[in-house]
């Protein structure tokens, strides 16, 4: 269950901290790659769920960025 929500939330958190959604995605992928290397994520379906959550988090981060940009122009 955590694999479904945590990577996406981490992308959003790192995006808010670094003010760059690509850097947020890279940091989150690095964390997940480390967990795979250490053996905490060991099944293919779990890796696929992580990838889906990363994609959703990146999409939400880009959507939040556009919303923020339009608020600043008004």
PDB file of N, CA and C in Angstrom:
ATOM      1  N   UNK A   1       0.824  -1.192   0.000  1.00  0.00           N
ATOM      2  CA  UNK A   1       0.000   0.000   0.000  1.00  0.00           C
ATOM      3  C   UNK A   1       0.875   1.266   0.000  1.00  0.00           C
ATOM      4  N   UNK A   2       1.971   1.209   0.748  1.00  0.00           N
ATOM      5  CA  UNK A   2       2.863   2.371   0.808  1.00  0.00           C
ATOM      6  C   UNK A   2       3.513   2.640  -0.544  1.00  0.00           C
ATOM      7  N   UNK A   3       3.762   1.581  -1.316  1.00  0.00           N
ATOM      8  CA  UNK A   3       4.386   1.745  -2.631  1.00  0.00           C
ATOM      9  C   UNK A   3       3.483   2.502  -3.593  1.00  0.00           C
ATOM     10  N   UNK A   4       2.204   2.499  -3.324  1.00  0.00           N
ATOM     11  CA  UNK A   4       1.265   3.192  -4.199  1.00  0.00           C
ATOM     12  C   UNK A   4       1.276   4.697  -3.962  1.00  0.00           C
ATOM     13  N   UNK A   5       1.523   5.137  -2.738  1.00  0.00           N
ATOM     14  CA  UNK A   5       1.423   6.555  -2.415  1.00  0.00           C
ATOM     15  C   UNK A   5       2.757   7.235  -2.096  1.00  0.00           C
ATOM     16  N   UNK A   6       3.660   6.535  -1.446  1.00  0.00           N
ATOM     17  CA  UNK A   6       4.888   7.150  -0.952  1.00  0.00           C
ATOM     18  C   UNK A   6       5.797   7.731  -2.036  1.00  0.00           C
ATOM     19  N   UNK A   7       6.081   7.038  -3.125  1.00  0.00           N
ATOM     20  CA  UNK A   7       6.951   7.651  -4.138  1.00  0.00           C
ATOM     21  C   UNK A   7       6.366   8.932  -4.738  1.00  0.00           C
ATOM     22  N   UNK A   8       5.078   8.946  -4.976  1.00  0.00           N
ATOM     23  CA  UNK A   8       4.443  10.157  -5.507  1.00  0.00           C
ATOM     24  C   UNK A   8       4.510  11.310  -4.526  1.00  0.00           C
ATOM     25  N   UNK A   9       4.301  11.010  -3.255  1.00  0.00           N
ATOM     26  CA  UNK A   9       4.398  12.054  -2.238  1.00  0.00           C
ATOM     27  C   UNK A   9       5.832  12.556  -2.081  1.00  0.00           C
ATOM     28  N   UNK A  10       6.791  11.651  -2.222  1.00  0.00           N
ATOM     29  CA  UNK A  10       8.192  12.069  -2.154  1.00  0.00           C
ATOM     30  C   UNK A  10       8.558  12.992  -3.315  1.00  0.00           C
ATOM     31  N   UNK A  11       8.036  12.704  -4.503  1.00  0.00           N
ATOM     32  CA  UNK A  11       8.281  13.589  -5.641  1.00  0.00           C
ATOM     33  C   UNK A  11       7.723  14.973  -5.339  1.00  0.00           C
ATOM     34  N   UNK A  12       6.516  15.028  -4.795  1.00  0.00           N
ATOM     35  CA  UNK A  12       5.918  16.320  -4.461  1.00  0.00           C
ATOM     36  C   UNK A  12       6.722  17.039  -3.384  1.00  0.00           C
ATOM     37  N   UNK A  13       7.160  16.312  -2.370  1.00  0.00           N
ATOM     38  CA  UNK A  13       7.945  16.920  -1.296  1.00  0.00           C
ATOM     39  C   UNK A  13       9.267  17.474  -1.827  1.00  0.00           C
ATOM     40  N   UNK A  14      10.004  16.659  -2.569  1.00  0.00           N
ATOM     41  CA  UNK A  14      11.287  17.119  -3.096  1.00  0.00           C
ATOM     42  C   UNK A  14      11.110  18.252  -4.102  1.00  0.00           C
ATOM     43  N   UNK A  15      10.001  18.259  -4.841  1.00  0.00           N
ATOM     44  CA  UNK A  15       9.732  19.342  -5.775  1.00  0.00           C
ATOM     45  C   UNK A  15       9.498  20.642  -5.024  1.00  0.00           C
ATOM     46  N   UNK A  16       8.770  20.566  -3.927  1.00  0.00           N
ATOM     47  CA  UNK A  16       8.510  21.770  -3.129  1.00  0.00           C
ATOM     48  C   UNK A  16       9.786  22.281  -2.459  1.00  0.00           C
ATOM     49  N   UNK A  17      10.660  21.384  -2.068  1.00  0.00           N
ATOM     50  CA  UNK A  17      11.893  21.785  -1.393  1.00  0.00           C
ATOM     51  C   UNK A  17      12.903  22.369  -2.377  1.00  0.00           C
ATOM     52  N   UNK A  18      13.061  21.736  -3.545  1.00  0.00           N
ATOM     53  CA  UNK A  18      14.072  22.167  -4.505  1.00  0.00           C
ATOM     54  C   UNK A  18      13.547  23.154  -5.532  1.00  0.00           C
ATOM     55  N   UNK A  19      12.246  23.349  -5.625  1.00  0.00           N
ATOM     56  CA  UNK A  19      11.601  24.221  -6.609  1.00  0.00           C
ATOM     57  C   UNK A  19      11.860  23.781  -8.044  1.00  0.00           C
ATOM     58  N   UNK A  20      12.103  22.487  -8.228  1.00  0.00           N
ATOM     59  CA  UNK A  20      12.343  21.941  -9.557  1.00  0.00           C
ATOM     60  C   UNK A  20      11.800  20.523  -9.585  1.00  0.00           C
ATOM     61  N   UNK A  21      10.827  20.273 -10.462  1.00  0.00           N
ATOM     62  CA  UNK A  21      10.180  18.956 -10.457  1.00  0.00           C
ATOM     63  C   UNK A  21      11.088  17.858 -10.990  1.00  0.00           C
ATOM     64  N   UNK A  22      12.013  18.179 -11.885  1.00  0.00           N
ATOM     65  CA  UNK A  22      12.927  17.162 -12.411  1.00  0.00           C
ATOM     66  C   UNK A  22      13.902  16.717 -11.321  1.00  0.00           C
ATOM     67  N   UNK A  23      14.419  17.671 -10.553  1.00  0.00           N
ATOM     68  CA  UNK A  23      15.317  17.327  -9.453  1.00  0.00           C
ATOM     69  C   UNK A  23      14.566  16.497  -8.407  1.00  0.00           C
ATOM     70  N   UNK A  24      13.313  16.852  -8.142  1.00  0.00           N
ATOM     71  CA  UNK A  24      12.502  16.067  -7.211  1.00  0.00           C
ATOM     72  C   UNK A  24      12.319  14.638  -7.687  1.00  0.00           C
ATOM     73  N   UNK A  25      12.094  14.468  -8.979  1.00  0.00           N
ATOM     74  CA  UNK A  25      11.945  13.126  -9.547  1.00  0.00           C
ATOM     75  C   UNK A  25      13.260  12.354  -9.454  1.00  0.00           C
ATOM     76  N   UNK A  26      14.365  13.007  -9.769  1.00  0.00           N
ATOM     77  CA  UNK A  26      15.670  12.343  -9.721  1.00  0.00           C
ATOM     78  C   UNK A  26      16.006  11.897  -8.300  1.00  0.00           C
ATOM     79  N   UNK A  27      15.753  12.748  -7.318  1.00  0.00           N
ATOM     80  CA  UNK A  27      16.023  12.379  -5.923  1.00  0.00           C
ATOM     81  C   UNK A  27      15.172  11.192  -5.481  1.00  0.00           C
ATOM     82  N   UNK A  28      13.912  11.177  -5.886  1.00  0.00           N
ATOM     83  CA  UNK A  28      13.037  10.069  -5.516  1.00  0.00           C
ATOM     84  C   UNK A  28      13.455   8.779  -6.203  1.00  0.00           C
ATOM     85  N   UNK A  29      13.819   8.858  -7.469  1.00  0.00           N
ATOM     86  CA  UNK A  29      14.292   7.665  -8.186  1.00  0.00           C
ATOM     87  C   UNK A  29      15.567   7.139  -7.534  1.00  0.00           C
ATOM     88  N   UNK A  30      16.443   8.043  -7.084  1.00  0.00           N
ATOM     89  CA  UNK A  30      17.662   7.615  -6.400  1.00  0.00           C
ATOM     90  C   UNK A  30      17.335   6.873  -5.104  1.00  0.00           C
ATOM     91  N   UNK A  31      16.362   7.360  -4.362  1.00  0.00           N
ATOM     92  CA  UNK A  31      15.951   6.662  -3.133  1.00  0.00           C
ATOM     93  C   UNK A  31      15.379   5.283  -3.432  1.00  0.00           C
ATOM     94  N   UNK A  32      14.555   5.185  -4.460  1.00  0.00           N
ATOM     95  CA  UNK A  32      13.957   3.890  -4.806  1.00  0.00           C
ATOM     96  C   UNK A  32      15.030   2.946  -5.347  1.00  0.00           C
ATOM     97  N   UNK A  33      15.962   3.468  -6.144  1.00  0.00           N
ATOM     98  CA  UNK A  33      17.042   2.620  -6.654  1.00  0.00           C
ATOM     99  C   UNK A  33      17.899   2.084  -5.509  1.00  0.00           C
ATOM    100  N   UNK A  34      18.113   2.898  -4.499  1.00  0.00           N
ATOM    101  CA  UNK A  34      18.865   2.442  -3.332  1.00  0.00           C
ATOM    102  C   UNK A  34      18.119   1.350  -2.580  1.00  0.00           C
ATOM    103  N   UNK A  35      16.800   1.506  -2.459  1.00  0.00           N
ATOM    104  CA  UNK A  35      16.026   0.467  -1.765  1.00  0.00           C
ATOM    105  C   UNK A  35      16.003  -0.835  -2.564  1.00  0.00           C
ATOM    106  N   UNK A  36      15.994  -0.739  -3.885  1.00  0.00           N
ATOM    107  CA  UNK A  36      16.054  -1.944  -4.719  1.00  0.00           C
ATOM    108  C   UNK A  36      17.422  -2.604  -4.560  1.00  0.00           C
ATOM    109  N   UNK A  37      18.476  -1.800  -4.549  1.00  0.00           N
ATOM    110  CA  UNK A  37      19.831  -2.325  -4.398  1.00  0.00           C
ATOM    111  C   UNK A  37      20.018  -3.012  -3.043  1.00  0.00           C
ATOM    112  N   UNK A  38      19.438  -2.431  -1.998  1.00  0.00           N
ATOM    113  CA  UNK A  38      19.559  -3.004  -0.653  1.00  0.00           C
ATOM    114  C   UNK A  38      18.679  -4.245  -0.464  1.00  0.00           C
ATOM    115  N   UNK A  39      17.709  -4.454  -1.352  1.00  0.00           N
ATOM    116  CA  UNK A  39      16.882  -5.644  -1.275  1.00  0.00           C
ATOM    117  C   UNK A  39      15.524  -5.447  -0.642  1.00  0.00           C
ATOM    118  N   UNK A  40      15.135  -4.211  -0.373  1.00  0.00           N
ATOM    119  CA  UNK A  40      13.832  -3.966   0.231  1.00  0.00           C
ATOM    120  C   UNK A  40      12.697  -4.085  -0.783  1.00  0.00           C
ATOM    121  N   UNK A  41      12.987  -3.788  -2.031  1.00  0.00           N
ATOM    122  CA  UNK A  41      12.007  -3.916  -3.112  1.00  0.00           C
ATOM    123  C   UNK A  41      12.508  -5.034  -4.003  1.00  0.00           C
ATOM    124  N   UNK A  42      11.866  -6.178  -3.951  1.00  0.00           N
ATOM    125  CA  UNK A  42      12.426  -7.327  -4.642  1.00  0.00           C
ATOM    126  C   UNK A  42      11.487  -7.991  -5.650  1.00  0.00           C
ATOM    127  N   UNK A  43      10.296  -7.463  -5.859  1.00  0.00           N
ATOM    128  CA  UNK A  43       9.392  -8.076  -6.831  1.00  0.00           C
ATOM    129  C   UNK A  43       9.099  -7.100  -7.965  1.00  0.00           C
ATOM    130  N   UNK A  44       8.877  -7.637  -9.137  1.00  0.00           N
ATOM    131  CA  UNK A  44       8.574  -6.814 -10.312  1.00  0.00           C
ATOM    132  C   UNK A  44       7.280  -6.014 -10.149  1.00  0.00           C
ATOM    133  N   UNK A  45       6.193  -6.607  -9.637  1.00  0.00           N
ATOM    134  CA  UNK A  45       4.974  -5.810  -9.476  1.00  0.00           C
ATOM    135  C   UNK A  45       5.164  -4.604  -8.547  1.00  0.00           C
ATOM    136  N   UNK A  46       5.968  -4.761  -7.521  1.00  0.00           N
ATOM    137  CA  UNK A  46       6.221  -3.653  -6.608  1.00  0.00           C
ATOM    138  C   UNK A  46       7.003  -2.536  -7.296  1.00  0.00           C
ATOM    139  N   UNK A  47       7.934  -2.896  -8.152  1.00  0.00           N
ATOM    140  CA  UNK A  47       8.688  -1.900  -8.913  1.00  0.00           C
ATOM    141  C   UNK A  47       7.775  -1.185  -9.905  1.00  0.00           C
ATOM    142  N   UNK A  48       6.852  -1.900 -10.511  1.00  0.00           N
ATOM    143  CA  UNK A  48       5.889  -1.298 -11.447  1.00  0.00           C
ATOM    144  C   UNK A  48       4.968  -0.332 -10.709  1.00  0.00           C
ATOM    145  N   UNK A  49       4.516  -0.707  -9.524  1.00  0.00           N
ATOM    146  CA  UNK A  49       3.668   0.179  -8.724  1.00  0.00           C
ATOM    147  C   UNK A  49       4.435   1.437  -8.334  1.00  0.00           C
ATOM    148  N   UNK A  50       5.706   1.288  -7.968  1.00  0.00           N
ATOM    149  CA  UNK A  50       6.550   2.448  -7.658  1.00  0.00           C
ATOM    150  C   UNK A  50       6.668   3.373  -8.864  1.00  0.00           C
ATOM    151  N   UNK A  51       6.876   2.795 -10.031  1.00  0.00           N
ATOM    152  CA  UNK A  51       7.005   3.597 -11.250  1.00  0.00           C
ATOM    153  C   UNK A  51       5.712   4.344 -11.561  1.00  0.00           C
ATOM    154  N   UNK A  52       4.574   3.683 -11.353  1.00  0.00           N
ATOM    155  CA  UNK A  52       3.289   4.345 -11.566  1.00  0.00           C
ATOM    156  C   UNK A  52       3.121   5.519 -10.603  1.00  0.00           C
ATOM    157  N   UNK A  53       3.483   5.307  -9.356  1.00  0.00           N
ATOM    158  CA  UNK A  53       3.370   6.366  -8.360  1.00  0.00           C
ATOM    159  C   UNK A  53       4.317   7.518  -8.674  1.00  0.00           C
ATOM    160  N   UNK A  54       5.519   7.215  -9.146  1.00  0.00           N
ATOM    161  CA  UNK A  54       6.456   8.262  -9.559  1.00  0.00           C
ATOM    162  C   UNK A  54       5.878   9.095 -10.698  1.00  0.00           C
ATOM    163  N   UNK A  55       5.275   8.426 -11.655  1.00  0.00           N
ATOM    164  CA  UNK A  55       4.675   9.122 -12.789  1.00  0.00           C
ATOM    165  C   UNK A  55       3.535  10.023 -12.329  1.00  0.00           C
ATOM    166  N   UNK A  56       2.686   9.509 -11.455  1.00  0.00           N
ATOM    167  CA  UNK A  56       1.576  10.310 -10.942  1.00  0.00           C
ATOM    168  C   UNK A  56       2.082  11.497 -10.132  1.00  0.00           C
ATOM    169  N   UNK A  57       3.108  11.290  -9.315  1.00  0.00           N
ATOM    170  CA  UNK A  57       3.678  12.385  -8.539  1.00  0.00           C
ATOM    171  C   UNK A  57       4.309  13.444  -9.423  1.00  0.00           C
ATOM    172  N   UNK A  58       5.002  13.025 -10.476  1.00  0.00           N
ATOM    173  CA  UNK A  58       5.610  13.974 -11.410  1.00  0.00           C
ATOM    174  C   UNK A  58       4.533  14.772 -12.131  1.00  0.00           C
ATOM    175  N   UNK A  59       3.449  14.106 -12.517  1.00  0.00           N
ATOM    176  CA  UNK A  59       2.340  14.786 -13.177  1.00  0.00           C
ATOM    177  C   UNK A  59       1.704  15.812 -12.246  1.00  0.00           C
ATOM    178  N   UNK A  60       1.485  15.427 -10.988  1.00  0.00           N
ATOM    179  CA  UNK A  60       0.913  16.372 -10.024  1.00  0.00           C
ATOM    180  C   UNK A  60       1.858  17.545  -9.764  1.00  0.00           C
ATOM    181  N   UNK A  61       3.144  17.288  -9.702  1.00  0.00           N
ATOM    182  CA  UNK A  61       4.111  18.362  -9.478  1.00  0.00           C
ATOM    183  C   UNK A  61       4.105  19.344 -10.650  1.00  0.00           C
ATOM    184  N   UNK A  62       3.993  18.834 -11.864  1.00  0.00           N
ATOM    185  CA  UNK A  62       3.957  19.736 -13.014  1.00  0.00           C
ATOM    186  C   UNK A  62       2.650  20.512 -13.050  1.00  0.00           C
ATOM    187  N   UNK A  63       1.574  19.881 -12.637  1.00  0.00           N
ATOM    188  CA  UNK A  63       0.284  20.566 -12.594  1.00  0.00           C
ATOM    189  C   UNK A  63       0.298  21.660 -11.526  1.00  0.00           C
ATOM    190  N   UNK A  64       0.897  21.380 -10.378  1.00  0.00           N
ATOM    191  CA  UNK A  64       0.997  22.382  -9.319  1.00  0.00           C
ATOM    192  C   UNK A  64       1.895  23.535  -9.759  1.00  0.00           C
ATOM    193  N   UNK A  65       2.945  23.236 -10.520  1.00  0.00           N
ATOM    194  CA  UNK A  65       3.839  24.276 -11.009  1.00  0.00           C
ATOM    195  C   UNK A  65       3.149  25.221 -11.961  1.00  0.00           C
ATOM    196  N   UNK A  66       2.332  24.688 -12.852  1.00  0.00           N
ATOM    197  CA  UNK A  66       1.582  25.534 -13.785  1.00  0.00           C
ATOM    198  C   UNK A  66       0.569  26.383 -13.046  1.00  0.00           C
ATOM    199  N   UNK A  67      -0.081  25.812 -12.034  1.00  0.00           N
ATOM    200  CA  UNK A  67      -1.065  26.545 -11.248  1.00  0.00           C
ATOM    201  C   UNK A  67      -0.386  27.703 -10.526  1.00  0.00           C
ATOM    202  N   UNK A  68       0.775  27.450  -9.962  1.00  0.00           N
ATOM    203  CA  UNK A  68       1.527  28.464  -9.253  1.00  0.00           C
ATOM    204  C   UNK A  68       1.971  29.575 -10.211  1.00  0.00           C
ATOM    205  N   UNK A  69       2.380  29.207 -11.415  1.00  0.00           N
ATOM    206  CA  UNK A  69       2.828  30.190 -12.394  1.00  0.00           C
ATOM    207  C   UNK A  69       1.690  31.099 -12.831  1.00  0.00           C
ATOM    208  N   UNK A  70       0.486  30.568 -12.999  1.00  0.00           N
ATOM    209  CA  UNK A  70      -0.645  31.382 -13.395  1.00  0.00           C
ATOM    210  C   UNK A  70      -1.099  32.301 -12.264  1.00  0.00           C
ATOM    211  N   UNK A  71      -0.926  31.860 -11.006  1.00  0.00           N
ATOM    212  CA  UNK A  71      -1.272  32.730  -9.879  1.00  0.00           C
ATOM    213  C   UNK A  71      -0.310  33.900  -9.779  1.00  0.00           C
ATOM    214  N   UNK A  72       0.943  33.690 -10.126  1.00  0.00           N
ATOM    215  CA  UNK A  72       1.935  34.755 -10.036  1.00  0.00           C
ATOM    216  C   UNK A  72       1.739  35.829 -11.104  1.00  0.00           C
ATOM    217  N   UNK A  73       1.158  35.483 -12.243  1.00  0.00           N
ATOM    218  CA  UNK A  73       0.965  36.456 -13.310  1.00  0.00           C
ATOM    219  C   UNK A  73      -0.232  37.356 -13.055  1.00  0.00           C
ATOM    220  N   UNK A  74      -1.132  36.951 -12.198  1.00  0.00           N
ATOM    221  CA  UNK A  74      -2.335  37.766 -11.930  1.00  0.00           C
ATOM    222  C   UNK A  74      -2.086  38.816 -10.909  1.00  0.00           C
TER     223      UNK A  74
END
